[in-house]
Protein backbone atom coordinates (compact mmCIF):
# COMPACT_ATOMS: atom_id res chain seq x y z
CA UNK A 1 0.04 -0.07 0.03
CA UNK A 2 1.26 3.46 -0.83
CA UNK A 3 0.76 6.60 1.09
CA UNK A 4 -1.10 9.20 -0.59
CA UNK A 5 -0.26 12.90 0.27
CA UNK A 6 -3.39 15.00 0.52
CA UNK A 7 -3.23 18.81 0.63
CA UNK A 8 -4.43 20.06 3.98
CA UNK A 9 -7.81 21.95 3.96
CA UNK A 10 -7.73 25.48 4.04
CA UNK A 11 -10.26 27.20 6.22
CA UNK A 12 -11.04 30.72 5.85
CA UNK A 13 -11.57 32.96 8.91
CA UNK A 14 -14.32 35.26 9.13
CA UNK A 15 -13.62 38.75 8.63
CA UNK A 16 -15.16 41.90 10.01
CA UNK A 17 -16.51 42.60 6.47
CA UNK A 18 -18.62 39.42 6.64
CA UNK A 19 -21.12 40.10 9.41
CA UNK A 20 -22.99 36.79 8.60
CA UNK A 21 -19.68 34.67 9.28
CA UNK A 22 -20.33 31.88 11.54
CA UNK A 23 -19.04 32.43 15.15
CA UNK A 24 -17.23 29.55 16.82
CA UNK A 25 -15.74 29.19 20.33
CA UNK A 26 -16.86 29.70 23.89
CA UNK A 27 -18.74 32.88 22.95
CA UNK A 28 -21.83 30.91 21.41
CA UNK A 29 -23.42 32.00 18.14
CA UNK A 30 -24.20 35.46 19.38
CA UNK A 31 -22.12 38.73 18.54
CA UNK A 32 -18.85 39.02 20.24
CA UNK A 33 -18.96 40.29 23.85
CA UNK A 34 -17.61 43.61 24.69
CA UNK A 35 -15.79 42.52 27.65
CA UNK A 36 -18.70 42.70 30.20
CA UNK A 37 -19.38 40.13 32.54
CA UNK A 38 -22.87 38.57 33.59
CA UNK A 39 -24.41 41.16 35.61
CA UNK A 40 -23.31 44.15 33.51
CA UNK A 41 -20.05 44.89 35.64
CA UNK A 42 -16.59 45.01 34.21
CA UNK A 43 -14.15 42.94 36.13
CA UNK A 44 -11.16 44.63 37.61
CA UNK A 45 -7.84 43.65 36.01
CA UNK A 46 -5.83 44.22 39.25
CA UNK A 47 -5.88 45.03 42.79
CA UNK A 48 -6.32 48.79 43.71
CA UNK A 49 -3.71 50.73 45.50
CA UNK A 50 -6.00 50.60 48.67
CA UNK A 51 -5.70 46.81 48.62
CA UNK A 52 -1.93 46.89 49.13
CA UNK A 53 -2.26 49.54 52.08
CA UNK A 54 -1.68 48.39 55.61
CA UNK A 55 -5.36 48.31 56.00
CA UNK A 56 -5.87 46.36 52.41
CA UNK A 57 -6.36 42.93 51.45
CA UNK A 58 -2.68 42.39 50.79
CA UNK A 59 -0.57 44.05 53.68
CA UNK A 60 3.08 44.13 53.47
CA UNK A 61 5.38 42.42 55.98
CA UNK A 62 5.55 45.45 58.46
CA UNK A 63 1.80 45.77 58.55
CA UNK A 64 1.50 41.77 58.94
CA UNK A 65 3.81 42.01 62.23
CA UNK A 66 1.78 45.05 63.37
CA UNK A 67 -1.62 42.95 62.76
CA UNK A 68 0.15 40.08 64.87
CA UNK A 69 0.60 42.38 67.85
CA UNK A 70 -2.68 43.78 67.75
CA UNK A 71 -4.12 40.14 67.25
CA UNK A 72 -5.87 41.07 64.07
CA UNK A 73 -6.33 39.02 61.01
CA UNK A 74 -3.25 38.76 58.92
CA UNK A 75 -4.91 39.17 55.53
CA UNK A 76 -8.16 40.90 54.50
CA UNK A 77 -9.47 44.57 54.85
CA UNK A 78 -9.48 46.29 58.14
CA UNK A 79 -11.33 49.40 59.19
CA UNK A 80 -9.90 52.06 61.30
CA UNK A 81 -12.29 51.24 64.06
CA UNK A 82 -11.31 47.45 64.10
CA UNK A 83 -7.68 48.90 64.61
CA UNK A 84 -8.65 51.18 67.45
CA UNK A 85 -10.72 48.31 69.24
CA UNK A 86 -7.78 45.93 69.02
CA UNK A 87 -5.30 48.45 70.23
CA UNK A 88 -7.70 49.20 73.21
CA UNK A 89 -7.71 45.71 73.99
CA UNK A 90 -3.83 45.27 73.92
CA UNK A 91 -3.29 48.50 75.68
CA UNK A 92 -5.44 47.34 78.56
CA UNK A 93 -3.55 44.06 78.85
CA UNK A 94 0.04 45.62 78.42
CA UNK A 95 -0.21 48.92 80.11
CA UNK A 96 2.76 49.49 82.47
CA UNK A 97 0.14 50.87 85.11
CA UNK A 98 -1.52 47.50 85.05
CA UNK A 99 1.74 45.37 85.33
CA UNK A 100 2.69 45.37 81.65
CA UNK A 101 5.96 46.21 80.24
CA UNK A 102 6.91 49.66 79.00
CA UNK A 103 8.62 48.26 75.80
CA UNK A 104 5.67 46.11 75.02
CA UNK A 105 3.28 48.98 75.04
CA UNK A 106 5.50 50.97 72.73
CA UNK A 107 5.26 47.94 70.25
CA UNK A 108 1.52 48.09 70.74
CA UNK A 109 1.31 51.80 70.06
CA UNK A 110 3.82 51.45 67.04
CA UNK A 111 1.64 48.63 65.62
CA UNK A 112 -1.49 50.98 65.87
CA UNK A 113 0.41 53.66 64.30
CA UNK A 114 1.86 51.56 61.37
CA UNK A 115 -1.71 50.32 60.49
CA UNK A 116 -3.44 53.71 60.80
CA UNK A 117 -0.45 55.33 58.55
CA UNK A 118 0.56 57.80 61.22
CA UNK A 119 4.08 59.10 60.89
CA UNK A 120 6.45 59.74 63.74
CA UNK A 121 7.68 63.25 64.01
């Protein structure tokens, strides 16, 4: 038996000039979608700058340490009121007038300042 070489079939792709061209793929047979999701909202391509801040979804290493000191979740968004409540709990436990250490209280205050974005002058 001999092998017979056949020419590969050439498929023409639909062009913009041919509106009746057949649509194939995951989009179905309807017109091409304009980047909109179901529900009409456009999906954000990346995280916003606020998500990378100390109170945002993805904090930096210093903010993670500050969250640990105040016994807050290590990831996820925080509000300033959550930070203040956690600081008050930690301050009540570690205050020098209540038997706590001065150094520990300074670390707790520094953690609060780090998370709230306060600058030391």
